[in-house]
N, C-alpha and C. Protein backbone atom coordinates (compact mmCIF):
# COMPACT_ATOMS: atom_id res chain seq x y z
N UNK A 1 46.13 -13.30 10.07
CA UNK A 1 45.02 -12.52 10.54
C UNK A 1 43.94 -13.39 11.16
N UNK A 2 43.93 -14.67 10.88
CA UNK A 2 42.84 -15.52 11.33
C UNK A 2 42.76 -15.62 12.85
N UNK A 3 43.87 -15.59 13.58
CA UNK A 3 43.83 -15.74 15.02
C UNK A 3 43.92 -14.44 15.78
N UNK A 4 44.13 -13.33 15.10
CA UNK A 4 44.31 -12.05 15.76
C UNK A 4 42.97 -11.44 16.14
N UNK A 5 42.88 -10.84 17.34
CA UNK A 5 41.64 -10.19 17.72
C UNK A 5 41.48 -8.87 16.95
N UNK A 6 40.25 -8.50 16.75
CA UNK A 6 39.96 -7.24 16.08
C UNK A 6 39.94 -6.15 17.14
N UNK A 7 40.73 -5.12 16.96
CA UNK A 7 40.80 -4.03 17.92
C UNK A 7 39.94 -2.89 17.40
N UNK A 8 38.99 -2.49 18.22
CA UNK A 8 38.10 -1.41 17.84
C UNK A 8 38.59 -0.12 18.48
N UNK A 9 38.71 0.91 17.66
CA UNK A 9 39.17 2.21 18.15
C UNK A 9 38.05 2.92 18.89
N UNK A 10 38.42 3.81 19.80
CA UNK A 10 37.44 4.63 20.51
C UNK A 10 37.05 5.79 19.59
N UNK A 11 35.81 5.78 19.14
CA UNK A 11 35.34 6.79 18.20
C UNK A 11 34.21 7.62 18.83
N UNK A 12 34.25 7.77 20.13
CA UNK A 12 33.17 8.44 20.85
C UNK A 12 32.92 9.88 20.44
N UNK A 13 33.91 10.59 19.94
CA UNK A 13 33.75 12.01 19.61
C UNK A 13 33.48 12.27 18.13
N UNK A 14 33.52 11.24 17.30
CA UNK A 14 33.36 11.40 15.86
C UNK A 14 31.88 11.58 15.52
N UNK A 15 31.60 12.50 14.59
CA UNK A 15 30.23 12.77 14.13
C UNK A 15 29.67 11.53 13.44
N UNK A 16 28.35 11.28 13.59
CA UNK A 16 27.75 10.12 12.93
C UNK A 16 27.94 10.10 11.42
N UNK A 17 27.88 11.26 10.76
CA UNK A 17 28.06 11.30 9.31
C UNK A 17 29.46 10.83 8.92
N UNK A 18 30.45 11.19 9.75
CA UNK A 18 31.82 10.75 9.47
C UNK A 18 31.94 9.24 9.68
N UNK A 19 31.21 8.71 10.67
CA UNK A 19 31.24 7.27 10.89
C UNK A 19 30.63 6.53 9.70
N UNK A 20 29.51 7.01 9.22
CA UNK A 20 28.88 6.38 8.05
C UNK A 20 29.83 6.45 6.85
N UNK A 21 30.51 7.58 6.69
CA UNK A 21 31.44 7.72 5.58
C UNK A 21 32.57 6.70 5.70
N UNK A 22 33.06 6.49 6.90
CA UNK A 22 34.14 5.52 7.10
C UNK A 22 33.66 4.10 6.80
N UNK A 23 32.40 3.81 7.16
CA UNK A 23 31.84 2.49 6.84
C UNK A 23 31.70 2.35 5.33
N UNK A 24 31.22 3.40 4.68
CA UNK A 24 31.00 3.37 3.23
C UNK A 24 32.31 3.23 2.46
N UNK A 25 33.32 3.96 2.88
CA UNK A 25 34.57 4.00 2.13
C UNK A 25 35.48 2.81 2.38
N UNK A 26 35.51 2.35 3.62
CA UNK A 26 36.48 1.30 3.91
C UNK A 26 35.94 0.15 4.73
N UNK A 27 34.63 0.02 4.82
CA UNK A 27 34.03 -1.04 5.64
C UNK A 27 34.67 -1.06 7.03
N UNK A 28 34.78 0.13 7.62
CA UNK A 28 35.43 0.31 8.92
C UNK A 28 34.55 -0.28 10.02
N UNK A 29 35.03 -1.39 10.60
CA UNK A 29 34.26 -2.07 11.64
C UNK A 29 34.17 -1.24 12.92
N UNK A 30 35.21 -0.52 13.22
CA UNK A 30 35.18 0.32 14.43
C UNK A 30 34.12 1.41 14.29
N UNK A 31 34.05 2.01 13.14
CA UNK A 31 33.05 3.05 12.90
C UNK A 31 31.64 2.46 12.98
N UNK A 32 31.47 1.27 12.41
CA UNK A 32 30.15 0.64 12.46
C UNK A 32 29.79 0.27 13.89
N UNK A 33 30.76 -0.25 14.64
CA UNK A 33 30.50 -0.61 16.04
C UNK A 33 30.07 0.62 16.83
N UNK A 34 30.67 1.77 16.56
CA UNK A 34 30.28 3.00 17.24
C UNK A 34 28.87 3.43 16.83
N UNK A 35 28.55 3.32 15.54
CA UNK A 35 27.18 3.62 15.09
C UNK A 35 26.18 2.70 15.79
N UNK A 36 26.52 1.44 15.86
CA UNK A 36 25.64 0.47 16.51
C UNK A 36 25.46 0.83 17.98
N UNK A 37 26.57 1.15 18.65
CA UNK A 37 26.50 1.50 20.07
C UNK A 37 25.62 2.71 20.30
N UNK A 38 25.69 3.68 19.40
CA UNK A 38 24.92 4.91 19.56
C UNK A 38 23.44 4.74 19.21
N UNK A 39 23.17 3.97 18.18
CA UNK A 39 21.80 3.95 17.66
C UNK A 39 20.97 2.73 18.05
N UNK A 40 21.57 1.59 18.27
CA UNK A 40 20.80 0.37 18.54
C UNK A 40 19.86 0.51 19.74
N UNK A 41 20.32 1.03 20.89
CA UNK A 41 19.39 1.15 22.03
C UNK A 41 18.23 2.11 21.74
N UNK A 42 18.53 3.19 21.05
CA UNK A 42 17.47 4.17 20.72
C UNK A 42 16.47 3.56 19.74
N UNK A 43 16.97 2.81 18.77
CA UNK A 43 16.08 2.15 17.81
C UNK A 43 15.18 1.14 18.51
N UNK A 44 15.77 0.38 19.41
CA UNK A 44 14.98 -0.63 20.12
C UNK A 44 13.88 0.03 20.93
N UNK A 45 14.20 1.09 21.63
CA UNK A 45 13.18 1.80 22.42
C UNK A 45 12.10 2.36 21.52
N UNK A 46 12.49 2.92 20.39
CA UNK A 46 11.54 3.48 19.43
C UNK A 46 10.59 2.39 18.93
N UNK A 47 11.14 1.25 18.56
CA UNK A 47 10.32 0.16 18.03
C UNK A 47 9.39 -0.41 19.10
N UNK A 48 9.86 -0.46 20.33
CA UNK A 48 9.00 -0.96 21.41
C UNK A 48 7.88 0.03 21.70
N UNK A 49 8.14 1.33 21.56
CA UNK A 49 7.06 2.32 21.72
C UNK A 49 6.02 2.16 20.62
N UNK A 50 6.45 1.67 19.46
CA UNK A 50 5.52 1.45 18.35
C UNK A 50 4.76 0.13 18.49
N UNK A 51 5.05 -0.64 19.52
CA UNK A 51 4.28 -1.85 19.79
C UNK A 51 5.01 -3.16 19.59
N UNK A 52 6.27 -3.13 19.21
CA UNK A 52 7.02 -4.38 19.03
C UNK A 52 7.39 -4.95 20.39
N UNK A 53 7.43 -6.28 20.48
CA UNK A 53 7.92 -6.88 21.72
C UNK A 53 9.44 -6.80 21.72
N UNK A 54 10.05 -7.12 22.83
CA UNK A 54 11.50 -6.94 22.96
C UNK A 54 12.28 -7.74 21.91
N UNK A 55 11.92 -9.02 21.74
CA UNK A 55 12.61 -9.86 20.77
C UNK A 55 12.42 -9.36 19.35
N UNK A 56 11.20 -8.97 19.01
CA UNK A 56 10.93 -8.45 17.67
C UNK A 56 11.66 -7.16 17.41
N UNK A 57 11.71 -6.29 18.43
CA UNK A 57 12.42 -5.02 18.28
C UNK A 57 13.91 -5.26 18.05
N UNK A 58 14.49 -6.21 18.79
CA UNK A 58 15.91 -6.52 18.62
C UNK A 58 16.19 -7.05 17.21
N UNK A 59 15.30 -7.89 16.70
CA UNK A 59 15.49 -8.42 15.35
C UNK A 59 15.43 -7.32 14.30
N UNK A 60 14.47 -6.41 14.47
CA UNK A 60 14.35 -5.31 13.51
C UNK A 60 15.58 -4.41 13.60
N UNK A 61 16.09 -4.17 14.80
CA UNK A 61 17.31 -3.36 14.96
C UNK A 61 18.46 -4.03 14.22
N UNK A 62 18.59 -5.34 14.38
CA UNK A 62 19.67 -6.07 13.69
C UNK A 62 19.54 -5.92 12.18
N UNK A 63 18.31 -6.08 11.67
CA UNK A 63 18.09 -5.94 10.22
C UNK A 63 18.40 -4.52 9.76
N UNK A 64 17.97 -3.54 10.53
CA UNK A 64 18.19 -2.15 10.15
C UNK A 64 19.68 -1.82 10.15
N UNK A 65 20.39 -2.26 11.16
CA UNK A 65 21.82 -1.95 11.24
C UNK A 65 22.61 -2.71 10.17
N UNK A 66 22.14 -3.89 9.81
CA UNK A 66 22.78 -4.61 8.72
C UNK A 66 22.58 -3.84 7.41
N UNK A 67 21.41 -3.25 7.25
CA UNK A 67 21.15 -2.42 6.06
C UNK A 67 22.05 -1.18 6.08
N UNK A 68 22.26 -0.60 7.25
CA UNK A 68 23.18 0.54 7.36
C UNK A 68 24.57 0.12 6.90
N UNK A 69 25.03 -1.05 7.34
CA UNK A 69 26.34 -1.55 6.95
C UNK A 69 26.43 -1.72 5.43
N UNK A 70 25.41 -2.35 4.87
CA UNK A 70 25.43 -2.65 3.44
C UNK A 70 25.21 -1.42 2.56
N UNK A 71 24.43 -0.46 3.05
CA UNK A 71 24.03 0.66 2.20
C UNK A 71 24.62 1.99 2.65
N UNK A 72 25.67 1.94 3.41
CA UNK A 72 26.29 3.17 3.91
C UNK A 72 26.67 4.11 2.77
N UNK A 73 27.06 3.57 1.66
CA UNK A 73 27.47 4.40 0.52
C UNK A 73 26.30 5.19 -0.07
N UNK A 74 25.08 4.80 0.23
CA UNK A 74 23.91 5.51 -0.32
C UNK A 74 23.47 6.67 0.57
N UNK A 75 24.07 6.79 1.75
CA UNK A 75 23.69 7.88 2.64
C UNK A 75 24.08 9.22 2.02
N UNK A 76 23.14 10.16 2.09
CA UNK A 76 23.37 11.51 1.55
C UNK A 76 23.01 12.52 2.64
N UNK A 77 24.03 13.16 3.20
CA UNK A 77 23.81 14.12 4.30
C UNK A 77 22.99 15.32 3.86
N UNK A 78 22.90 15.58 2.57
CA UNK A 78 22.09 16.71 2.09
C UNK A 78 20.60 16.41 2.19
N UNK A 79 20.24 15.12 2.22
CA UNK A 79 18.83 14.75 2.27
C UNK A 79 18.32 14.52 3.69
N UNK A 80 19.16 14.04 4.58
CA UNK A 80 18.72 13.75 5.95
C UNK A 80 19.92 13.60 6.85
N UNK A 81 19.67 13.70 8.14
CA UNK A 81 20.73 13.43 9.11
C UNK A 81 20.91 11.92 9.21
N UNK A 82 22.02 11.50 9.82
CA UNK A 82 22.28 10.08 9.99
C UNK A 82 21.17 9.46 10.84
N UNK A 83 20.76 10.14 11.90
CA UNK A 83 19.72 9.60 12.77
C UNK A 83 18.42 9.41 12.00
N UNK A 84 18.04 10.40 11.21
CA UNK A 84 16.80 10.29 10.42
C UNK A 84 16.90 9.14 9.45
N UNK A 85 18.05 9.01 8.79
CA UNK A 85 18.26 7.94 7.83
C UNK A 85 18.14 6.57 8.50
N UNK A 86 18.80 6.40 9.64
CA UNK A 86 18.79 5.10 10.33
C UNK A 86 17.40 4.81 10.88
N UNK A 87 16.74 5.80 11.46
CA UNK A 87 15.40 5.56 12.00
C UNK A 87 14.40 5.25 10.87
N UNK A 88 14.60 5.86 9.72
CA UNK A 88 13.72 5.56 8.57
C UNK A 88 13.93 4.12 8.11
N UNK A 89 15.17 3.69 8.07
CA UNK A 89 15.45 2.30 7.72
C UNK A 89 14.76 1.37 8.70
N UNK A 90 14.88 1.65 9.99
CA UNK A 90 14.27 0.80 11.02
C UNK A 90 12.75 0.79 10.87
N UNK A 91 12.17 1.97 10.65
CA UNK A 91 10.72 2.06 10.48
C UNK A 91 10.28 1.21 9.29
N UNK A 92 11.00 1.31 8.18
CA UNK A 92 10.65 0.53 6.99
C UNK A 92 10.81 -0.97 7.22
N UNK A 93 11.84 -1.36 7.96
CA UNK A 93 12.02 -2.78 8.28
C UNK A 93 10.87 -3.27 9.16
N UNK A 94 10.44 -2.43 10.09
CA UNK A 94 9.31 -2.80 10.94
C UNK A 94 8.05 -2.99 10.10
N UNK A 95 7.81 -2.09 9.15
CA UNK A 95 6.63 -2.20 8.28
C UNK A 95 6.71 -3.47 7.44
N UNK A 96 7.88 -3.75 6.89
CA UNK A 96 8.06 -4.97 6.10
C UNK A 96 7.77 -6.21 6.93
N UNK A 97 8.27 -6.22 8.14
CA UNK A 97 8.06 -7.36 9.03
C UNK A 97 6.58 -7.52 9.36
N UNK A 98 5.91 -6.41 9.63
CA UNK A 98 4.48 -6.43 9.94
C UNK A 98 3.70 -7.00 8.75
N UNK A 99 4.04 -6.57 7.56
CA UNK A 99 3.34 -7.06 6.36
C UNK A 99 3.57 -8.55 6.16
N UNK A 100 4.79 -9.00 6.38
CA UNK A 100 5.08 -10.43 6.23
C UNK A 100 4.28 -11.25 7.24
N UNK A 101 4.16 -10.74 8.46
CA UNK A 101 3.44 -11.48 9.49
C UNK A 101 1.94 -11.49 9.22
N UNK A 102 1.43 -10.44 8.62
CA UNK A 102 0.01 -10.33 8.33
C UNK A 102 -0.41 -11.15 7.12
N UNK A 103 0.50 -11.36 6.21
CA UNK A 103 0.19 -12.08 4.98
C UNK A 103 0.32 -13.57 5.25
N UNK A 104 -0.73 -14.32 5.05
CA UNK A 104 -0.63 -15.76 5.32
C UNK A 104 0.31 -16.42 4.32
N UNK A 105 0.93 -17.45 4.78
CA UNK A 105 1.81 -18.22 3.91
C UNK A 105 0.98 -18.95 2.86
N UNK A 106 1.51 -19.05 1.68
CA UNK A 106 0.85 -19.76 0.59
C UNK A 106 0.94 -21.25 0.85
N UNK A 107 -0.19 -21.92 0.84
CA UNK A 107 -0.23 -23.36 1.04
C UNK A 107 -0.71 -24.01 -0.25
N UNK A 108 0.19 -24.61 -1.02
CA UNK A 108 -0.23 -25.19 -2.30
C UNK A 108 -1.21 -26.35 -2.14
N UNK A 109 -1.34 -26.89 -0.92
CA UNK A 109 -2.24 -28.02 -0.69
C UNK A 109 -3.59 -27.57 -0.14
N UNK A 110 -3.83 -26.27 -0.08
CA UNK A 110 -5.10 -25.75 0.42
C UNK A 110 -6.22 -26.24 -0.49
N UNK A 111 -7.27 -26.86 0.07
CA UNK A 111 -8.36 -27.39 -0.76
C UNK A 111 -9.07 -26.30 -1.56
N UNK A 112 -9.01 -25.05 -1.11
CA UNK A 112 -9.67 -23.97 -1.84
C UNK A 112 -8.96 -23.69 -3.17
N UNK A 113 -7.71 -24.10 -3.29
CA UNK A 113 -6.95 -23.86 -4.51
C UNK A 113 -7.07 -25.02 -5.51
N UNK A 114 -7.66 -26.10 -5.08
CA UNK A 114 -7.81 -27.25 -5.97
C UNK A 114 -8.88 -26.95 -7.01
N UNK A 115 -8.65 -27.37 -8.24
CA UNK A 115 -9.68 -27.14 -9.26
C UNK A 115 -10.94 -27.92 -8.93
N UNK A 116 -12.04 -27.38 -9.36
CA UNK A 116 -13.32 -28.06 -9.12
C UNK A 116 -13.31 -29.39 -9.86
N UNK A 117 -13.91 -30.37 -9.22
CA UNK A 117 -13.99 -31.68 -9.85
C UNK A 117 -14.95 -31.61 -11.03
N UNK A 118 -14.67 -32.43 -12.02
CA UNK A 118 -15.58 -32.49 -13.16
C UNK A 118 -16.93 -32.98 -12.68
N UNK A 119 -18.00 -32.37 -13.19
CA UNK A 119 -19.32 -32.83 -12.75
C UNK A 119 -19.59 -34.25 -13.23
N UNK A 120 -20.41 -34.92 -12.48
CA UNK A 120 -20.80 -36.28 -12.86
C UNK A 120 -21.58 -36.21 -14.17
N UNK A 121 -21.56 -37.28 -14.95
CA UNK A 121 -22.27 -37.25 -16.24
C UNK A 121 -23.75 -36.89 -16.11
N UNK A 122 -24.40 -37.39 -15.07
CA UNK A 122 -25.82 -37.07 -14.92
C UNK A 122 -26.03 -35.60 -14.57
N UNK A 123 -25.07 -34.98 -13.84
CA UNK A 123 -25.18 -33.56 -13.54
C UNK A 123 -24.98 -32.73 -14.81
N UNK A 124 -24.03 -33.15 -15.66
CA UNK A 124 -23.81 -32.43 -16.91
C UNK A 124 -25.04 -32.51 -17.80
N UNK A 125 -25.64 -33.68 -17.86
CA UNK A 125 -26.84 -33.85 -18.67
C UNK A 125 -27.97 -33.00 -18.13
N UNK A 126 -28.11 -32.97 -16.80
CA UNK A 126 -29.16 -32.15 -16.18
C UNK A 126 -28.95 -30.67 -16.46
N UNK A 127 -27.70 -30.21 -16.42
CA UNK A 127 -27.40 -28.80 -16.70
C UNK A 127 -27.72 -28.46 -18.15
N UNK A 128 -27.38 -29.37 -19.05
CA UNK A 128 -27.68 -29.15 -20.48
C UNK A 128 -29.19 -29.08 -20.70
N UNK A 129 -29.93 -29.93 -20.04
CA UNK A 129 -31.38 -29.92 -20.18
C UNK A 129 -31.97 -28.61 -19.65
N UNK A 130 -31.44 -28.14 -18.52
CA UNK A 130 -31.90 -26.86 -17.96
C UNK A 130 -31.61 -25.71 -18.91
N UNK A 131 -30.43 -25.73 -19.54
CA UNK A 131 -30.08 -24.68 -20.50
C UNK A 131 -31.04 -24.70 -21.68
N UNK A 132 -31.37 -25.88 -22.15
CA UNK A 132 -32.30 -25.98 -23.29
C UNK A 132 -33.68 -25.46 -22.90
N UNK A 133 -34.14 -25.82 -21.70
CA UNK A 133 -35.45 -25.33 -21.23
C UNK A 133 -35.45 -23.81 -21.12
N UNK A 134 -34.36 -23.24 -20.62
CA UNK A 134 -34.26 -21.79 -20.49
C UNK A 134 -34.24 -21.12 -21.86
N UNK A 135 -33.50 -21.68 -22.81
CA UNK A 135 -33.45 -21.12 -24.15
C UNK A 135 -34.82 -21.16 -24.81
N UNK A 136 -35.55 -22.26 -24.63
CA UNK A 136 -36.90 -22.38 -25.18
C UNK A 136 -37.84 -21.36 -24.55
N UNK A 137 -37.75 -21.21 -23.22
CA UNK A 137 -38.61 -20.26 -22.52
C UNK A 137 -38.30 -18.83 -22.96
N UNK A 138 -37.02 -18.50 -23.14
CA UNK A 138 -36.65 -17.17 -23.63
C UNK A 138 -37.16 -16.93 -25.05
N UNK A 139 -37.08 -17.96 -25.88
CA UNK A 139 -37.56 -17.83 -27.27
C UNK A 139 -39.06 -17.63 -27.32
N UNK A 140 -39.78 -18.15 -26.32
CA UNK A 140 -41.24 -18.02 -26.31
C UNK A 140 -41.69 -16.63 -25.85
N UNK A 141 -40.80 -15.86 -25.25
CA UNK A 141 -41.16 -14.50 -24.79
C UNK A 141 -41.27 -13.56 -25.99
N UNK A 142 -42.06 -12.49 -25.84
CA UNK A 142 -42.04 -11.46 -26.88
C UNK A 142 -40.61 -10.94 -27.04
N UNK A 143 -40.23 -10.60 -28.26
CA UNK A 143 -38.85 -10.21 -28.58
C UNK A 143 -38.37 -9.07 -27.70
N UNK A 144 -39.21 -8.08 -27.47
CA UNK A 144 -38.78 -6.93 -26.66
C UNK A 144 -38.46 -7.34 -25.22
N UNK A 145 -39.27 -8.22 -24.64
CA UNK A 145 -39.02 -8.68 -23.28
C UNK A 145 -37.75 -9.54 -23.21
N UNK A 146 -37.58 -10.40 -24.19
CA UNK A 146 -36.37 -11.25 -24.23
C UNK A 146 -35.12 -10.38 -24.35
N UNK A 147 -35.19 -9.33 -25.18
CA UNK A 147 -34.04 -8.43 -25.33
C UNK A 147 -33.72 -7.72 -24.02
N UNK A 148 -34.77 -7.27 -23.31
CA UNK A 148 -34.54 -6.59 -22.02
C UNK A 148 -33.89 -7.54 -21.01
N UNK A 149 -34.34 -8.80 -20.98
CA UNK A 149 -33.73 -9.77 -20.06
C UNK A 149 -32.27 -10.04 -20.43
N UNK A 150 -31.98 -10.15 -21.71
CA UNK A 150 -30.59 -10.38 -22.14
C UNK A 150 -29.70 -9.21 -21.71
N UNK A 151 -30.22 -7.98 -21.89
CA UNK A 151 -29.43 -6.81 -21.49
C UNK A 151 -29.20 -6.80 -19.98
N UNK A 152 -30.25 -7.14 -19.22
CA UNK A 152 -30.15 -7.09 -17.76
C UNK A 152 -29.27 -8.21 -17.20
N UNK A 153 -29.44 -9.42 -17.70
CA UNK A 153 -28.78 -10.56 -17.06
C UNK A 153 -27.53 -11.05 -17.78
N UNK A 154 -27.51 -11.00 -19.09
CA UNK A 154 -26.33 -11.48 -19.81
C UNK A 154 -25.31 -10.38 -20.02
N UNK A 155 -25.77 -9.14 -20.23
CA UNK A 155 -24.86 -8.01 -20.41
C UNK A 155 -24.63 -7.25 -19.11
N UNK A 156 -25.32 -7.64 -18.05
CA UNK A 156 -25.18 -7.04 -16.71
C UNK A 156 -25.40 -5.53 -16.70
N UNK A 157 -26.38 -5.06 -17.45
CA UNK A 157 -26.70 -3.63 -17.46
C UNK A 157 -27.73 -3.33 -16.39
N UNK A 158 -27.62 -2.15 -15.80
CA UNK A 158 -28.64 -1.73 -14.83
C UNK A 158 -29.89 -1.31 -15.59
N UNK A 159 -30.99 -1.20 -14.86
CA UNK A 159 -32.24 -0.78 -15.50
C UNK A 159 -32.08 0.61 -16.11
N UNK A 160 -31.35 1.49 -15.43
CA UNK A 160 -31.14 2.84 -15.96
C UNK A 160 -30.33 2.79 -17.26
N UNK A 161 -29.33 1.92 -17.33
CA UNK A 161 -28.54 1.79 -18.56
C UNK A 161 -29.39 1.23 -19.70
N UNK A 162 -30.26 0.26 -19.37
CA UNK A 162 -31.15 -0.31 -20.39
C UNK A 162 -32.10 0.77 -20.90
N UNK A 163 -32.63 1.59 -19.97
CA UNK A 163 -33.54 2.67 -20.38
C UNK A 163 -32.83 3.64 -21.30
N UNK A 164 -31.60 3.99 -20.97
CA UNK A 164 -30.84 4.93 -21.80
C UNK A 164 -30.55 4.32 -23.18
N UNK A 165 -30.21 3.05 -23.20
CA UNK A 165 -29.86 2.38 -24.46
C UNK A 165 -31.10 2.18 -25.35
N UNK A 166 -32.23 1.81 -24.72
CA UNK A 166 -33.42 1.48 -25.51
C UNK A 166 -34.31 2.69 -25.78
N UNK A 167 -34.10 3.77 -25.04
CA UNK A 167 -34.94 4.95 -25.21
C UNK A 167 -36.29 4.83 -24.52
N UNK A 168 -36.46 3.81 -23.70
CA UNK A 168 -37.71 3.62 -22.95
C UNK A 168 -37.60 4.31 -21.59
N UNK A 169 -38.73 4.72 -21.02
CA UNK A 169 -38.69 5.27 -19.67
C UNK A 169 -38.25 4.19 -18.68
N UNK A 170 -37.60 4.63 -17.59
CA UNK A 170 -37.08 3.70 -16.59
C UNK A 170 -38.19 2.82 -16.02
N UNK A 171 -39.33 3.41 -15.69
CA UNK A 171 -40.45 2.65 -15.14
C UNK A 171 -40.93 1.57 -16.10
N UNK A 172 -40.94 1.88 -17.39
CA UNK A 172 -41.36 0.90 -18.40
C UNK A 172 -40.38 -0.27 -18.46
N UNK A 173 -39.08 0.05 -18.40
CA UNK A 173 -38.06 -1.00 -18.42
C UNK A 173 -38.26 -1.92 -17.21
N UNK A 174 -38.44 -1.32 -16.03
CA UNK A 174 -38.61 -2.13 -14.81
C UNK A 174 -39.84 -3.02 -14.90
N UNK A 175 -40.95 -2.47 -15.35
CA UNK A 175 -42.17 -3.27 -15.41
C UNK A 175 -42.06 -4.37 -16.45
N UNK A 176 -41.43 -4.11 -17.59
CA UNK A 176 -41.29 -5.12 -18.63
C UNK A 176 -40.32 -6.23 -18.21
N UNK A 177 -39.27 -5.86 -17.51
CA UNK A 177 -38.34 -6.89 -17.00
C UNK A 177 -39.06 -7.76 -15.98
N UNK A 178 -39.81 -7.15 -15.08
CA UNK A 178 -40.56 -7.89 -14.07
C UNK A 178 -41.58 -8.82 -14.75
N UNK A 179 -42.30 -8.31 -15.76
CA UNK A 179 -43.28 -9.10 -16.50
C UNK A 179 -42.58 -10.28 -17.21
N UNK A 180 -41.44 -10.01 -17.83
CA UNK A 180 -40.70 -11.07 -18.54
C UNK A 180 -40.22 -12.13 -17.57
N UNK A 181 -39.73 -11.74 -16.41
CA UNK A 181 -39.28 -12.71 -15.41
C UNK A 181 -40.43 -13.58 -14.93
N UNK A 182 -41.61 -12.96 -14.73
CA UNK A 182 -42.79 -13.73 -14.33
C UNK A 182 -43.17 -14.76 -15.38
N UNK A 183 -43.17 -14.36 -16.65
CA UNK A 183 -43.50 -15.29 -17.73
C UNK A 183 -42.45 -16.40 -17.82
N UNK A 184 -41.20 -16.03 -17.67
CA UNK A 184 -40.13 -17.03 -17.72
C UNK A 184 -40.27 -18.03 -16.58
N UNK A 185 -40.55 -17.53 -15.39
CA UNK A 185 -40.72 -18.41 -14.23
C UNK A 185 -41.87 -19.39 -14.46
N UNK A 186 -43.00 -18.88 -14.95
CA UNK A 186 -44.17 -19.75 -15.20
C UNK A 186 -43.84 -20.79 -16.26
N UNK A 187 -43.10 -20.39 -17.30
CA UNK A 187 -42.76 -21.34 -18.37
C UNK A 187 -41.84 -22.43 -17.85
N UNK A 188 -40.91 -22.06 -16.98
CA UNK A 188 -39.98 -23.06 -16.45
C UNK A 188 -40.65 -23.96 -15.41
N UNK A 189 -41.55 -23.41 -14.62
CA UNK A 189 -42.27 -24.21 -13.62
C UNK A 189 -43.23 -25.19 -14.27
N UNK A 190 -43.81 -24.79 -15.38
CA UNK A 190 -44.79 -25.63 -16.07
C UNK A 190 -44.15 -26.75 -16.86
N UNK A 191 -42.87 -26.68 -17.12
CA UNK A 191 -42.21 -27.71 -17.95
C UNK A 191 -41.97 -28.96 -17.19
């Protein structure tokens, strides 16, 4: 069989569903060649109308028809016609290709993916000193103001949520937070 040419039968009058069945049941190359002859030009034109260039459309047609070959056994004439099934496969292949092209390739050497460098010892010391100054300034505030700042900034609550939680009017919460921030700023600037 290695040197013999493959002879393809003339299947011009056979229904597409019968061709798919022959591909599914016996991997009939003649039936597949007829399906390809009938659908490939129409698929290419369809894909080009959707915006694909000629080369891209041909590649998607090849992928779609390869899927038809591989998945012929999954075709169900009760759910769709052969044309609808094949065009749906092509449409899905086009969408997959579009998504792949739109998604940038992962570059493991991208500097944005590198972990942040450890801070220099003097920067760490400076950050620790700033934290201590902030803790001291917060401790110097009246307890109610310090609690409102903790809710707003550490618990990330909105002023309305703080008002609901504390039972204070919204305007009172806003003014007390503003007053506490002013006192905190003055305490940190004066240090």
